[in-house]
Amino acid sequence: MSKKIRDGKFVERTAEEEVEFQRLKAKHYANVGMASKKKSKSKEAFTKIYDSQFEKLMSVEVSASAKTMFIALIYQSFKQWDKPFQISTDSFAKNGFSPATQRRALTQLEKVGLISVGRKHRDQPTITVL
């Protein structure tokens, strides 16, 4: 039989206490084996969207193309270590965004407060995801 502490001294457990102790111990170790299994880490890169960004994107009337472009901009921001970056109109044109759609989407996202756009004459805009 095992012992327990009662009034600061080790004393023998009763038969009922011993049975209950063994049952709890078995239950504990059965659950420990299940909890120790870890999920394998993903090898893919991922980006995150903050709650505030999600709320702004969903609450304000923004076109579907602007939402799609915001996802692409978040990914580019991740690739650039959250630093301002320039986007190429050609890269978005390959994905079906015309230059007019790109300008419209960037303006909408800037008005909502999700990005800031630095425009210079005849240069690619510099995007900062907020």
Protein backbone atom coordinates (compact mmCIF):
# COMPACT_ATOMS: atom_id res chain seq x y z
CA MET A 1 0.00 0.00 0.00
CA SER A 2 1.07 3.55 -0.66
CA LYS A 3 1.23 6.39 1.77
CA LYS A 4 -0.25 9.85 1.85
CA ILE A 5 0.28 12.91 3.98
CA ARG A 6 -2.27 13.54 6.70
CA ASP A 7 -1.71 16.21 9.36
CA GLY A 8 1.90 16.61 8.19
CA LYS A 9 2.76 12.90 8.64
CA PHE A 10 2.94 9.94 6.25
CA VAL A 11 0.15 7.46 6.92
CA GLU A 12 -1.02 4.33 5.11
CA ARG A 13 -3.97 4.70 2.74
CA THR A 14 -7.10 2.72 3.42
CA ALA A 15 -8.12 0.06 0.88
CA GLU A 16 -10.80 2.37 -0.59
CA GLU A 17 -8.37 5.29 -0.82
CA GLU A 18 -5.81 3.03 -2.51
CA VAL A 19 -8.34 1.86 -5.13
CA GLU A 20 -9.39 5.45 -5.82
CA PHE A 21 -5.74 6.56 -6.02
CA GLN A 22 -4.88 3.81 -8.53
CA ARG A 23 -7.96 4.69 -10.63
CA LEU A 24 -7.02 8.38 -10.74
CA LYS A 25 -3.41 7.54 -11.53
CA ALA A 26 -4.45 5.29 -14.44
CA LYS A 27 -6.80 7.97 -15.76
CA HIS A 28 -4.06 10.61 -15.55
CA TYR A 29 -1.49 8.53 -17.42
CA ALA A 30 -4.02 7.53 -20.07
CA ASN A 31 -4.65 11.23 -20.82
CA VAL A 32 -0.97 12.17 -20.72
CA GLY A 33 -0.18 9.80 -23.56
CA MET A 34 -2.81 11.42 -25.75
CA ALA A 35 -1.78 14.99 -24.96
CA SER A 36 1.87 14.41 -25.74
CA LYS A 37 1.23 13.86 -29.45
CA LYS A 38 2.25 17.01 -31.27
CA LYS A 39 1.03 18.13 -34.64
CA SER A 40 3.72 18.27 -37.25
CA LYS A 41 4.76 21.78 -38.18
CA SER A 42 3.84 23.01 -41.61
CA LYS A 43 6.70 23.50 -44.03
CA GLU A 44 4.76 26.17 -45.93
CA ALA A 45 5.05 29.89 -45.31
CA PHE A 46 1.92 31.60 -44.10
CA THR A 47 0.69 35.09 -43.40
CA LYS A 48 -1.70 36.35 -40.81
CA ILE A 49 -4.46 38.88 -40.90
CA TYR A 50 -5.20 40.80 -37.72
CA ASP A 51 -8.70 41.12 -36.29
CA SER A 52 -8.70 44.86 -36.94
CA GLN A 53 -7.74 44.30 -40.59
CA PHE A 54 -10.44 41.68 -40.99
CA GLU A 55 -13.09 43.92 -39.43
CA LYS A 56 -12.17 46.85 -41.69
CA LEU A 57 -12.14 44.64 -44.75
CA MET A 58 -15.52 43.06 -44.01
CA SER A 59 -17.41 46.03 -42.56
CA VAL A 60 -16.75 48.58 -45.30
CA GLU A 61 -18.09 48.25 -48.82
CA VAL A 62 -15.04 47.11 -50.72
CA SER A 63 -15.13 45.28 -54.03
CA ALA A 64 -14.22 41.63 -54.31
CA SER A 65 -11.18 42.51 -56.41
CA ALA A 66 -9.96 44.83 -53.63
CA LYS A 67 -10.34 42.02 -51.08
CA THR A 68 -8.43 39.64 -53.33
CA MET A 69 -5.75 42.24 -53.90
CA PHE A 70 -5.46 42.85 -50.13
CA ILE A 71 -4.70 39.16 -49.62
CA ALA A 72 -1.97 39.42 -52.26
CA LEU A 73 -0.63 42.58 -50.62
CA ILE A 74 -0.50 40.90 -47.21
CA TYR A 75 1.49 38.08 -48.74
CA GLN A 76 3.90 40.53 -50.40
CA SER A 77 4.27 42.37 -47.11
CA PHE A 78 5.15 39.09 -45.42
CA LYS A 79 7.76 38.37 -48.10
CA GLN A 80 9.26 41.83 -47.55
CA TRP A 81 9.40 41.41 -43.75
CA ASP A 82 6.57 43.94 -43.21
CA LYS A 83 8.56 46.74 -44.81
CA PRO A 84 7.15 49.06 -47.49
CA PHE A 85 7.42 47.55 -50.95
CA GLN A 86 6.73 48.45 -54.54
CA ILE A 87 4.29 46.46 -56.57
CA SER A 88 4.57 45.76 -60.23
CA THR A 89 1.44 46.24 -62.29
CA ASP A 90 2.63 43.38 -64.49
CA SER A 91 2.57 40.89 -61.62
CA PHE A 92 -1.06 41.71 -60.84
CA ALA A 93 -1.95 41.81 -64.53
CA LYS A 94 -0.86 38.17 -64.77
CA ASN A 95 -3.48 37.36 -62.12
CA GLY A 96 -6.26 39.12 -64.01
CA PHE A 97 -6.12 42.62 -62.51
CA SER A 98 -6.17 45.34 -65.13
CA PRO A 99 -4.26 48.55 -64.33
CA ALA A 100 -7.59 50.36 -63.79
CA THR A 101 -8.76 47.65 -61.35
CA GLN A 102 -5.45 47.86 -59.52
CA ARG A 103 -5.75 51.65 -59.08
CA ARG A 104 -9.36 51.36 -57.94
CA ALA A 105 -8.59 48.58 -55.45
CA LEU A 106 -5.57 50.40 -54.01
CA THR A 107 -7.66 53.55 -53.57
CA GLN A 108 -10.44 51.61 -51.82
CA LEU A 109 -8.01 49.82 -49.49
CA GLU A 110 -6.28 53.10 -48.70
CA LYS A 111 -9.61 54.81 -47.85
CA VAL A 112 -10.53 51.95 -45.51
CA GLY A 113 -7.19 52.31 -43.72
CA LEU A 114 -5.72 48.92 -44.51
CA ILE A 115 -2.78 50.19 -46.53
CA SER A 116 -0.97 53.41 -47.27
CA VAL A 117 0.16 54.13 -50.80
CA GLY A 118 3.10 56.34 -51.68
CA ARG A 119 2.74 57.52 -55.25
CA LYS A 120 5.49 59.12 -57.29
CA HIS A 121 5.04 60.34 -60.81
CA ARG A 122 5.67 57.50 -63.28
CA ASP A 123 7.04 55.17 -60.59
CA GLN A 124 5.47 52.09 -59.11
CA PRO A 125 3.48 52.88 -55.97
CA THR A 126 5.07 52.05 -52.62
CA ILE A 127 2.67 50.04 -50.43
CA THR A 128 2.72 49.79 -46.66
CA VAL A 129 0.27 47.35 -45.06
CA LEU A 130 -1.03 48.90 -41.86
